């Protein structure tokens, strides 16, 4: 079997590459990347690197040649119509090259009534996969926990969690845990042709999150949500992205980001790491090194 990972130099993609190399030889792996220079360290390990832009069906088809299992990580392109066209190019390329299994890495914010401004993309993806000719597996990820530790110093300075989530909850999971489960899904044919929702073991209210962050940071933090407009204005970086980010928490306020499943444990044989353990460890690492304030709030 030959495996191919798109967006392999990104935050999630690079962790998937590291995980899959624990199980297969480098020569069985291909990485499809936009900038091969960023994949130099992988090439030095004997992994084949193929260059392709999501906007080019021809480049993607060339990159997908001889692929048995494709792990497709979508870009963060916005608006959704642009992202849809990128995915359409990938689907046509996968169909032309007879890819045997298409693993789509998605997000749980895909419900038909979800106000998240990137959600329309996932609605298209599900129907395009179902109407295509390539066997596929649809993976829904919970909210990344990775941005929380680098965000915590700012929260400690403010003394407030600002997410406009009301009394609802959010389900978090780390990219490291996601990569563990995704690689198992890729390697095991008994997990193909299904839908998997990867989450932590519980969904957290913002009051609980405030208590956890207070304990970890040593600074008092309370839950004092902004309005959607205030949040969009406060975190409008890059320009225009604030409203997109606010719409994600609007979805959470509707109870659409609180899903918890046992899929991760069923696939890996163990539960996902608890959020308190993950945030505590990663926060201590950050505070013990040169710290730089992140841009991302997702």
C-alpha atoms as a PDB file:
ATOM      1  CA  UNK A   1       0.000   0.000   0.000  1.00  0.00           C
ATOM      2  CA  UNK A   2       1.200   3.482  -0.824  1.00  0.00           C
ATOM      3  CA  UNK A   3       0.047   6.423   1.276  1.00  0.00           C
ATOM      4  CA  UNK A   4      -0.173  10.085   0.271  1.00  0.00           C
ATOM      5  CA  UNK A   5      -0.696  13.047   2.623  1.00  0.00           C
ATOM      6  CA  UNK A   6      -1.664  16.513   1.417  1.00  0.00           C
ATOM      7  CA  UNK A   7      -0.764  19.716   3.300  1.00  0.00           C
ATOM      8  CA  UNK A   8       1.932  17.619   4.944  1.00  0.00           C
ATOM      9  CA  UNK A   9       3.988  20.563   6.215  1.00  0.00           C
ATOM     10  CA  UNK A  10       1.077  22.153   8.088  1.00  0.00           C
ATOM     11  CA  UNK A  11       0.370  21.932  11.814  1.00  0.00           C
ATOM     12  CA  UNK A  12      -1.737  18.783  11.570  1.00  0.00           C
ATOM     13  CA  UNK A  13      -0.091  17.325   8.469  1.00  0.00           C
ATOM     14  CA  UNK A  14       3.398  17.297   9.958  1.00  0.00           C
ATOM     15  CA  UNK A  15       2.143  15.425  13.026  1.00  0.00           C
ATOM     16  CA  UNK A  16       0.421  12.861  10.809  1.00  0.00           C
ATOM     17  CA  UNK A  17       3.689  12.342   8.917  1.00  0.00           C
ATOM     18  CA  UNK A  18       5.591  11.806  12.169  1.00  0.00           C
ATOM     19  CA  UNK A  19       2.991   9.312  13.358  1.00  0.00           C
ATOM     20  CA  UNK A  20       2.712   7.317  10.141  1.00  0.00           C
ATOM     21  CA  UNK A  21       6.487   6.869  10.010  1.00  0.00           C
ATOM     22  CA  UNK A  22       6.188   4.861  13.227  1.00  0.00           C
ATOM     23  CA  UNK A  23       4.266   2.254  11.249  1.00  0.00           C
ATOM     24  CA  UNK A  24       5.446   2.230   7.618  1.00  0.00           C
ATOM     25  CA  UNK A  25       8.720   2.631   5.740  1.00  0.00           C
ATOM     26  CA  UNK A  26       9.456   6.091   4.259  1.00  0.00           C
ATOM     27  CA  UNK A  27       9.482   4.690   0.717  1.00  0.00           C
ATOM     28  CA  UNK A  28       5.775   3.817   1.060  1.00  0.00           C
ATOM     29  CA  UNK A  29       4.885   7.436   1.733  1.00  0.00           C
ATOM     30  CA  UNK A  30       4.328  10.416  -0.578  1.00  0.00           C
ATOM     31  CA  UNK A  31       3.773  13.968   0.576  1.00  0.00           C
ATOM     32  CA  UNK A  32       1.837  16.382  -1.611  1.00  0.00           C
ATOM     33  CA  UNK A  33       2.884  19.921  -0.740  1.00  0.00           C
ATOM     34  CA  UNK A  34       2.640  23.376  -2.234  1.00  0.00           C
ATOM     35  CA  UNK A  35       6.194  24.342  -1.236  1.00  0.00           C
ATOM     36  CA  UNK A  36       8.709  21.441  -1.423  1.00  0.00           C
ATOM     37  CA  UNK A  37      11.360  23.493   0.390  1.00  0.00           C
ATOM     38  CA  UNK A  38       9.287  23.227   3.573  1.00  0.00           C
ATOM     39  CA  UNK A  39       9.372  19.429   3.236  1.00  0.00           C
ATOM     40  CA  UNK A  40      13.159  19.169   2.918  1.00  0.00           C
ATOM     41  CA  UNK A  41      13.526  17.392   6.269  1.00  0.00           C
ATOM     42  CA  UNK A  42      11.043  14.730   5.159  1.00  0.00           C
ATOM     43  CA  UNK A  43      12.773  14.260   1.816  1.00  0.00           C
ATOM     44  CA  UNK A  44      16.024  13.624   3.670  1.00  0.00           C
ATOM     45  CA  UNK A  45      14.280  10.697   5.376  1.00  0.00           C
ATOM     46  CA  UNK A  46      13.607   9.058   2.020  1.00  0.00           C
ATOM     47  CA  UNK A  47      10.006  10.231   1.593  1.00  0.00           C
ATOM     48  CA  UNK A  48       8.867  11.131  -1.902  1.00  0.00           C
ATOM     49  CA  UNK A  49       7.810  14.779  -2.207  1.00  0.00           C
ATOM     50  CA  UNK A  50       5.438  15.924  -4.944  1.00  0.00           C
ATOM     51  CA  UNK A  51       4.537  19.537  -5.570  1.00  0.00           C
ATOM     52  CA  UNK A  52       0.931  20.489  -6.231  1.00  0.00           C
ATOM     53  CA  UNK A  53      -1.332  23.473  -5.709  1.00  0.00           C
ATOM     54  CA  UNK A  54      -4.941  22.754  -4.731  1.00  0.00           C
ATOM     55  CA  UNK A  55      -5.996  25.108  -7.513  1.00  0.00           C
ATOM     56  CA  UNK A  56      -4.493  22.867 -10.198  1.00  0.00           C
ATOM     57  CA  UNK A  57      -6.328  19.659 -11.053  1.00  0.00           C
ATOM     58  CA  UNK A  58      -3.433  18.627 -13.326  1.00  0.00           C
ATOM     59  CA  UNK A  59      -0.810  19.064 -10.595  1.00  0.00           C
ATOM     60  CA  UNK A  60      -2.935  17.143  -8.113  1.00  0.00           C
ATOM     61  CA  UNK A  61      -3.468  14.286 -10.556  1.00  0.00           C
ATOM     62  CA  UNK A  62       0.271  14.005 -11.061  1.00  0.00           C
ATOM     63  CA  UNK A  63       0.829  14.079  -7.304  1.00  0.00           C
ATOM     64  CA  UNK A  64      -1.795  11.382  -6.674  1.00  0.00           C
ATOM     65  CA  UNK A  65      -0.293   8.887  -9.130  1.00  0.00           C
ATOM     66  CA  UNK A  66       0.035   5.360  -7.661  1.00  0.00           C
ATOM     67  CA  UNK A  67      -1.740   6.414  -4.447  1.00  0.00           C
ATOM     68  CA  UNK A  68      -3.680   3.738  -2.590  1.00  0.00           C
ATOM     69  CA  UNK A  69      -4.724   5.732   0.491  1.00  0.00           C
ATOM     70  CA  UNK A  70      -4.977   9.517   0.268  1.00  0.00           C
ATOM     71  CA  UNK A  71      -5.142  11.574   3.478  1.00  0.00           C
ATOM     72  CA  UNK A  72      -6.630  14.861   2.327  1.00  0.00           C
ATOM     73  CA  UNK A  73      -6.256  17.858   4.641  1.00  0.00           C
ATOM     74  CA  UNK A  74      -8.152  20.864   3.230  1.00  0.00           C
ATOM     75  CA  UNK A  75      -6.674  24.335   3.153  1.00  0.00           C
ATOM     76  CA  UNK A  76      -8.013  27.212   5.265  1.00  0.00           C
ATOM     77  CA  UNK A  77      -8.958  29.133   2.125  1.00  0.00           C
ATOM     78  CA  UNK A  78     -11.947  31.441   2.548  1.00  0.00           C
ATOM     79  CA  UNK A  79     -14.608  32.050   1.255  1.00  0.00           C
ATOM     80  CA  UNK A  80     -16.060  28.554   1.016  1.00  0.00           C
ATOM     81  CA  UNK A  81     -16.594  28.707  -2.730  1.00  0.00           C
ATOM     82  CA  UNK A  82     -12.817  28.899  -3.255  1.00  0.00           C
ATOM     83  CA  UNK A  83     -12.220  26.014  -0.891  1.00  0.00           C
ATOM     84  CA  UNK A  84     -14.907  23.995  -2.651  1.00  0.00           C
ATOM     85  CA  UNK A  85     -13.142  24.425  -5.981  1.00  0.00           C
ATOM     86  CA  UNK A  86      -9.872  23.236  -4.426  1.00  0.00           C
ATOM     87  CA  UNK A  87     -11.628  20.136  -3.127  1.00  0.00           C
ATOM     88  CA  UNK A  88     -13.336  19.557  -6.472  1.00  0.00           C
ATOM     89  CA  UNK A  89      -9.925  19.570  -8.156  1.00  0.00           C
ATOM     90  CA  UNK A  90      -8.699  16.982  -5.660  1.00  0.00           C
ATOM     91  CA  UNK A  91     -11.745  14.775  -6.201  1.00  0.00           C
ATOM     92  CA  UNK A  92     -11.422  14.840  -9.976  1.00  0.00           C
ATOM     93  CA  UNK A  93      -7.707  14.081  -9.672  1.00  0.00           C
ATOM     94  CA  UNK A  94      -8.347  11.200  -7.258  1.00  0.00           C
ATOM     95  CA  UNK A  95     -10.992   9.751  -9.578  1.00  0.00           C
ATOM     96  CA  UNK A  96      -8.719  10.010 -12.596  1.00  0.00           C
ATOM     97  CA  UNK A  97      -5.817   8.354 -10.776  1.00  0.00           C
ATOM     98  CA  UNK A  98      -7.993   5.587  -9.291  1.00  0.00           C
ATOM     99  CA  UNK A  99      -7.162   6.356  -5.666  1.00  0.00           C
ATOM    100  CA  UNK A 100      -8.416   3.392  -3.654  1.00  0.00           C
ATOM    101  CA  UNK A 101      -9.368   5.203  -0.444  1.00  0.00           C
ATOM    102  CA  UNK A 102      -9.929   8.931   0.133  1.00  0.00           C
ATOM    103  CA  UNK A 103      -9.635   9.975   3.784  1.00  0.00           C
ATOM    104  CA  UNK A 104     -11.123  13.436   4.227  1.00  0.00           C
ATOM    105  CA  UNK A 105     -10.025  15.292   7.367  1.00  0.00           C
ATOM    106  CA  UNK A 106     -12.922  17.524   8.348  1.00  0.00           C
ATOM    107  CA  UNK A 107     -14.407  19.343  11.323  1.00  0.00           C
ATOM    108  CA  UNK A 108     -17.439  18.689  13.502  1.00  0.00           C
ATOM    109  CA  UNK A 109     -18.906  22.103  12.527  1.00  0.00           C
ATOM    110  CA  UNK A 110     -20.611  20.550   9.506  1.00  0.00           C
ATOM    111  CA  UNK A 111     -24.274  20.414  10.537  1.00  0.00           C
ATOM    112  CA  UNK A 112     -26.890  21.762   8.166  1.00  0.00           C
ATOM    113  CA  UNK A 113     -27.902  24.491  10.637  1.00  0.00           C
ATOM    114  CA  UNK A 114     -24.355  25.494  11.636  1.00  0.00           C
ATOM    115  CA  UNK A 115     -23.702  29.276  11.372  1.00  0.00           C
ATOM    116  CA  UNK A 116     -19.897  28.875  11.161  1.00  0.00           C
ATOM    117  CA  UNK A 117     -18.972  30.709   7.975  1.00  0.00           C
ATOM    118  CA  UNK A 118     -16.699  27.848   6.840  1.00  0.00           C
ATOM    119  CA  UNK A 119     -19.391  25.235   7.421  1.00  0.00           C
ATOM    120  CA  UNK A 120     -20.885  25.357   3.877  1.00  0.00           C
ATOM    121  CA  UNK A 121     -17.672  23.783   2.591  1.00  0.00           C
ATOM    122  CA  UNK A 122     -18.230  20.643   4.650  1.00  0.00           C
ATOM    123  CA  UNK A 123     -21.788  20.317   3.400  1.00  0.00           C
ATOM    124  CA  UNK A 124     -20.515  20.237  -0.167  1.00  0.00           C
ATOM    125  CA  UNK A 125     -17.714  17.802   0.691  1.00  0.00           C
ATOM    126  CA  UNK A 126     -20.056  15.197   2.166  1.00  0.00           C
ATOM    127  CA  UNK A 127     -22.313  15.169  -0.865  1.00  0.00           C
ATOM    128  CA  UNK A 128     -19.458  15.245  -3.382  1.00  0.00           C
ATOM    129  CA  UNK A 129     -17.770  12.296  -1.716  1.00  0.00           C
ATOM    130  CA  UNK A 130     -21.059  10.371  -1.640  1.00  0.00           C
ATOM    131  CA  UNK A 131     -21.738  11.048  -5.326  1.00  0.00           C
ATOM    132  CA  UNK A 132     -18.175  10.327  -6.513  1.00  0.00           C
ATOM    133  CA  UNK A 133     -16.506   7.116  -7.614  1.00  0.00           C
ATOM    134  CA  UNK A 134     -13.705   6.958  -5.027  1.00  0.00           C
ATOM    135  CA  UNK A 135     -14.284   4.941  -1.824  1.00  0.00           C
ATOM    136  CA  UNK A 136     -13.984   7.349   1.092  1.00  0.00           C
ATOM    137  CA  UNK A 137     -13.788   7.773   4.848  1.00  0.00           C
ATOM    138  CA  UNK A 138     -15.102  10.956   6.450  1.00  0.00           C
ATOM    139  CA  UNK A 139     -13.307  12.108   9.602  1.00  0.00           C
ATOM    140  CA  UNK A 140     -14.768  14.856  11.806  1.00  0.00           C
ATOM    141  CA  UNK A 141     -12.329  16.507  14.217  1.00  0.00           C
ATOM    142  CA  UNK A 142     -13.247  18.265  17.429  1.00  0.00           C
ATOM    143  CA  UNK A 143     -11.885  21.715  18.241  1.00  0.00           C
ATOM    144  CA  UNK A 144      -8.081  21.841  18.402  1.00  0.00           C
ATOM    145  CA  UNK A 145      -6.800  22.175  21.956  1.00  0.00           C
ATOM    146  CA  UNK A 146      -3.367  23.260  20.670  1.00  0.00           C
ATOM    147  CA  UNK A 147      -4.071  27.048  20.589  1.00  0.00           C
ATOM    148  CA  UNK A 148      -5.163  27.096  24.240  1.00  0.00           C
ATOM    149  CA  UNK A 149      -1.740  26.944  25.988  1.00  0.00           C
ATOM    150  CA  UNK A 150      -0.228  29.861  23.999  1.00  0.00           C
ATOM    151  CA  UNK A 151      -3.460  31.834  24.477  1.00  0.00           C
ATOM    152  CA  UNK A 152      -3.424  31.324  28.244  1.00  0.00           C
ATOM    153  CA  UNK A 153      -0.925  34.119  29.105  1.00  0.00           C
ATOM    154  CA  UNK A 154      -3.216  36.644  27.407  1.00  0.00           C
ATOM    155  CA  UNK A 155      -6.215  35.272  29.270  1.00  0.00           C
ATOM    156  CA  UNK A 156      -4.285  35.521  32.531  1.00  0.00           C
ATOM    157  CA  UNK A 157      -3.475  39.189  31.812  1.00  0.00           C
ATOM    158  CA  UNK A 158      -7.103  39.928  30.990  1.00  0.00           C
ATOM    159  CA  UNK A 159      -8.436  37.789  33.836  1.00  0.00           C
ATOM    160  CA  UNK A 160     -11.251  36.742  31.508  1.00  0.00           C
ATOM    161  CA  UNK A 161     -12.297  34.113  28.993  1.00  0.00           C
ATOM    162  CA  UNK A 162     -14.055  36.039  26.240  1.00  0.00           C
ATOM    163  CA  UNK A 163     -15.543  33.322  23.988  1.00  0.00           C
ATOM    164  CA  UNK A 164     -19.218  34.139  23.203  1.00  0.00           C
ATOM    165  CA  UNK A 165     -20.433  30.599  23.921  1.00  0.00           C
ATOM    166  CA  UNK A 166     -23.120  31.378  26.543  1.00  0.00           C
ATOM    167  CA  UNK A 167     -23.816  28.311  28.714  1.00  0.00           C
ATOM    168  CA  UNK A 168     -22.886  25.742  26.074  1.00  0.00           C
ATOM    169  CA  UNK A 169     -19.813  23.510  25.847  1.00  0.00           C
ATOM    170  CA  UNK A 170     -16.920  22.841  23.472  1.00  0.00           C
ATOM    171  CA  UNK A 171     -15.232  19.498  22.814  1.00  0.00           C
ATOM    172  CA  UNK A 172     -11.440  19.737  22.424  1.00  0.00           C
ATOM    173  CA  UNK A 173      -8.753  17.335  21.166  1.00  0.00           C
ATOM    174  CA  UNK A 174      -5.061  17.860  20.404  1.00  0.00           C
ATOM    175  CA  UNK A 175      -3.505  17.545  16.969  1.00  0.00           C
ATOM    176  CA  UNK A 176      -1.165  14.885  18.370  1.00  0.00           C
ATOM    177  CA  UNK A 177      -4.101  12.721  19.429  1.00  0.00           C
ATOM    178  CA  UNK A 178      -5.825  13.383  16.120  1.00  0.00           C
ATOM    179  CA  UNK A 179      -2.754  12.235  14.203  1.00  0.00           C
ATOM    180  CA  UNK A 180      -2.655   9.002  16.226  1.00  0.00           C
ATOM    181  CA  UNK A 181      -6.244   8.143  15.341  1.00  0.00           C
ATOM    182  CA  UNK A 182      -6.064   9.339  11.728  1.00  0.00           C
ATOM    183  CA  UNK A 183      -3.042   7.165  11.010  1.00  0.00           C
ATOM    184  CA  UNK A 184      -4.781   4.121  12.489  1.00  0.00           C
ATOM    185  CA  UNK A 185      -7.787   4.815  10.274  1.00  0.00           C
ATOM    186  CA  UNK A 186      -5.505   5.108   7.240  1.00  0.00           C
ATOM    187  CA  UNK A 187      -3.668   1.864   7.978  1.00  0.00           C
ATOM    188  CA  UNK A 188      -6.617  -0.325   8.954  1.00  0.00           C
ATOM    189  CA  UNK A 189      -8.963  -1.294   6.160  1.00  0.00           C
ATOM    190  CA  UNK A 190     -11.618  -2.309   8.696  1.00  0.00           C
ATOM    191  CA  UNK A 191     -11.927   1.400   9.560  1.00  0.00           C
ATOM    192  CA  UNK A 192     -12.327   2.528   5.941  1.00  0.00           C
ATOM    193  CA  UNK A 193     -15.602   3.538   4.290  1.00  0.00           C
ATOM    194  CA  UNK A 194     -17.031   4.897   7.541  1.00  0.00           C
ATOM    195  CA  UNK A 195     -17.524   8.172   9.394  1.00  0.00           C
ATOM    196  CA  UNK A 196     -15.472   8.828  12.524  1.00  0.00           C
ATOM    197  CA  UNK A 197     -15.833  11.755  14.944  1.00  0.00           C
ATOM    198  CA  UNK A 198     -12.663  12.322  16.977  1.00  0.00           C
ATOM    199  CA  UNK A 199     -13.121  14.194  20.255  1.00  0.00           C
ATOM    200  CA  UNK A 200     -11.840  14.336  23.797  1.00  0.00           C
ATOM    201  CA  UNK A 201     -13.589  12.508  26.624  1.00  0.00           C
ATOM    202  CA  UNK A 202     -15.758  15.460  27.698  1.00  0.00           C
ATOM    203  CA  UNK A 203     -17.022  18.808  26.495  1.00  0.00           C
ATOM    204  CA  UNK A 204     -16.073  21.819  28.580  1.00  0.00           C
ATOM    205  CA  UNK A 205     -18.248  24.709  29.693  1.00  0.00           C
ATOM    206  CA  UNK A 206     -16.549  28.086  29.731  1.00  0.00           C
ATOM    207  CA  UNK A 207     -16.953  28.240  33.518  1.00  0.00           C
ATOM    208  CA  UNK A 208     -15.052  24.951  33.792  1.00  0.00           C
ATOM    209  CA  UNK A 209     -12.429  26.227  31.367  1.00  0.00           C
ATOM    210  CA  UNK A 210     -11.974  29.377  33.454  1.00  0.00           C
ATOM    211  CA  UNK A 211     -11.455  27.281  36.589  1.00  0.00           C
ATOM    212  CA  UNK A 212      -8.936  25.072  34.784  1.00  0.00           C
ATOM    213  CA  UNK A 213      -7.001  28.047  33.407  1.00  0.00           C
ATOM    214  CA  UNK A 214      -6.967  29.695  36.831  1.00  0.00           C
ATOM    215  CA  UNK A 215      -5.447  26.552  38.321  1.00  0.00           C
ATOM    216  CA  UNK A 216      -2.805  26.169  35.597  1.00  0.00           C
ATOM    217  CA  UNK A 217      -1.776  29.824  35.265  1.00  0.00           C
ATOM    218  CA  UNK A 218      -2.038  30.750  38.943  1.00  0.00           C
ATOM    219  CA  UNK A 219      -3.977  33.889  37.963  1.00  0.00           C
ATOM    220  CA  UNK A 220      -7.711  34.375  38.585  1.00  0.00           C
ATOM    221  CA  UNK A 221      -9.673  33.965  35.349  1.00  0.00           C
ATOM    222  CA  UNK A 222     -13.449  34.261  35.058  1.00  0.00           C
ATOM    223  CA  UNK A 223     -15.869  33.744  32.209  1.00  0.00           C
ATOM    224  CA  UNK A 224     -16.974  37.129  30.874  1.00  0.00           C
ATOM    225  CA  UNK A 225     -18.080  36.617  27.262  1.00  0.00           C
ATOM    226  CA  UNK A 226     -18.023  39.375  24.681  1.00  0.00           C
ATOM    227  CA  UNK A 227     -20.851  39.807  22.229  1.00  0.00           C
ATOM    228  CA  UNK A 228     -20.285  38.287  18.784  1.00  0.00           C
ATOM    229  CA  UNK A 229     -19.584  41.735  17.322  1.00  0.00           C
ATOM    230  CA  UNK A 230     -17.180  42.655  20.128  1.00  0.00           C
ATOM    231  CA  UNK A 231     -15.331  39.361  19.757  1.00  0.00           C
ATOM    232  CA  UNK A 232     -15.082  39.782  15.974  1.00  0.00           C
ATOM    233  CA  UNK A 233     -13.666  43.278  16.417  1.00  0.00           C
ATOM    234  CA  UNK A 234     -11.220  42.252  19.155  1.00  0.00           C
ATOM    235  CA  UNK A 235      -9.772  39.349  17.160  1.00  0.00           C
ATOM    236  CA  UNK A 236     -10.006  40.698  13.616  1.00  0.00           C
ATOM    237  CA  UNK A 237      -6.564  39.406  12.595  1.00  0.00           C
ATOM    238  CA  UNK A 238      -6.001  39.019   9.719  1.00  0.00           C
ATOM    239  CA  UNK A 239      -8.406  41.759   8.686  1.00  0.00           C
ATOM    240  CA  UNK A 240     -11.866  40.360   8.010  1.00  0.00           C
ATOM    241  CA  UNK A 241     -11.279  37.070   9.844  1.00  0.00           C
ATOM    242  CA  UNK A 242     -12.837  38.249  13.101  1.00  0.00           C
ATOM    243  CA  UNK A 243     -16.391  37.638  11.914  1.00  0.00           C
ATOM    244  CA  UNK A 244     -15.437  34.158  10.712  1.00  0.00           C
ATOM    245  CA  UNK A 245     -13.957  33.328  14.104  1.00  0.00           C
ATOM    246  CA  UNK A 246     -16.942  34.781  15.944  1.00  0.00           C
ATOM    247  CA  UNK A 247     -19.281  32.635  13.841  1.00  0.00           C
ATOM    248  CA  UNK A 248     -17.520  29.520  15.142  1.00  0.00           C
ATOM    249  CA  UNK A 249     -18.353  30.472  18.713  1.00  0.00           C
ATOM    250  CA  UNK A 250     -21.855  31.375  17.605  1.00  0.00           C
ATOM    251  CA  UNK A 251     -22.117  27.737  16.499  1.00  0.00           C
ATOM    252  CA  UNK A 252     -20.827  26.662  19.910  1.00  0.00           C
ATOM    253  CA  UNK A 253     -23.467  28.858  21.587  1.00  0.00           C
ATOM    254  CA  UNK A 254     -26.093  26.863  19.689  1.00  0.00           C
ATOM    255  CA  UNK A 255     -24.721  23.625  21.191  1.00  0.00           C
ATOM    256  CA  UNK A 256     -23.181  22.477  17.917  1.00  0.00           C
ATOM    257  CA  UNK A 257     -19.568  22.100  19.143  1.00  0.00           C
ATOM    258  CA  UNK A 258     -20.144  19.942  22.217  1.00  0.00           C
ATOM    259  CA  UNK A 259     -20.294  16.489  20.624  1.00  0.00           C
ATOM    260  CA  UNK A 260     -18.369  13.751  22.460  1.00  0.00           C
ATOM    261  CA  UNK A 261     -17.862  10.245  21.098  1.00  0.00           C
ATOM    262  CA  UNK A 262     -15.843   7.169  22.010  1.00  0.00           C
ATOM    263  CA  UNK A 263     -14.476   6.882  18.456  1.00  0.00           C
ATOM    264  CA  UNK A 264     -10.941   7.832  19.484  1.00  0.00           C
ATOM    265  CA  UNK A 265     -10.774   5.114  22.156  1.00  0.00           C
ATOM    266  CA  UNK A 266     -12.447   2.577  19.869  1.00  0.00           C
ATOM    267  CA  UNK A 267      -9.814   3.237  17.195  1.00  0.00           C
ATOM    268  CA  UNK A 268      -6.685   3.587  19.345  1.00  0.00           C
ATOM    269  CA  UNK A 269      -7.546   1.432  22.364  1.00  0.00           C
ATOM    270  CA  UNK A 270      -7.134   4.301  24.832  1.00  0.00           C
ATOM    271  CA  UNK A 271      -8.939   7.586  25.612  1.00  0.00           C
ATOM    272  CA  UNK A 272      -7.726  10.912  24.276  1.00  0.00           C
ATOM    273  CA  UNK A 273      -5.576  12.918  26.669  1.00  0.00           C
ATOM    274  CA  UNK A 274      -7.529  14.977  29.184  1.00  0.00           C
ATOM    275  CA  UNK A 275      -7.559  18.698  28.459  1.00  0.00           C
ATOM    276  CA  UNK A 276      -6.232  19.589  31.911  1.00  0.00           C
ATOM    277  CA  UNK A 277      -3.200  17.331  31.414  1.00  0.00           C
ATOM    278  CA  UNK A 278      -2.544  18.605  27.898  1.00  0.00           C
ATOM    279  CA  UNK A 279      -2.890  22.327  28.623  1.00  0.00           C
ATOM    280  CA  UNK A 280      -0.892  22.101  31.847  1.00  0.00           C
ATOM    281  CA  UNK A 281       2.056  20.348  30.216  1.00  0.00           C
ATOM    282  CA  UNK A 282       2.150  22.499  27.099  1.00  0.00           C
ATOM    283  CA  UNK A 283       1.737  25.734  29.078  1.00  0.00           C
ATOM    284  CA  UNK A 284       4.697  24.847  31.280  1.00  0.00           C
ATOM    285  CA  UNK A 285       6.763  24.126  28.159  1.00  0.00           C
ATOM    286  CA  UNK A 286       5.863  27.488  26.641  1.00  0.00           C
ATOM    287  CA  UNK A 287       6.559  29.470  29.783  1.00  0.00           C
ATOM    288  CA  UNK A 288       9.917  27.737  30.100  1.00  0.00           C
ATOM    289  CA  UNK A 289      10.956  28.826  26.599  1.00  0.00           C
ATOM    290  CA  UNK A 290      10.908  32.027  24.550  1.00  0.00           C
ATOM    291  CA  UNK A 291       7.200  32.842  24.330  1.00  0.00           C
ATOM    292  CA  UNK A 292       5.556  34.504  21.345  1.00  0.00           C
ATOM    293  CA  UNK A 293       1.901  35.503  21.350  1.00  0.00           C
ATOM    294  CA  UNK A 294      -0.005  33.539  18.664  1.00  0.00           C
ATOM    295  CA  UNK A 295      -2.420  34.941  16.096  1.00  0.00           C
ATOM    296  CA  UNK A 296      -4.763  31.943  16.015  1.00  0.00           C
ATOM    297  CA  UNK A 297      -7.743  31.554  18.341  1.00  0.00           C
ATOM    298  CA  UNK A 298      -8.951  28.310  16.745  1.00  0.00           C
END
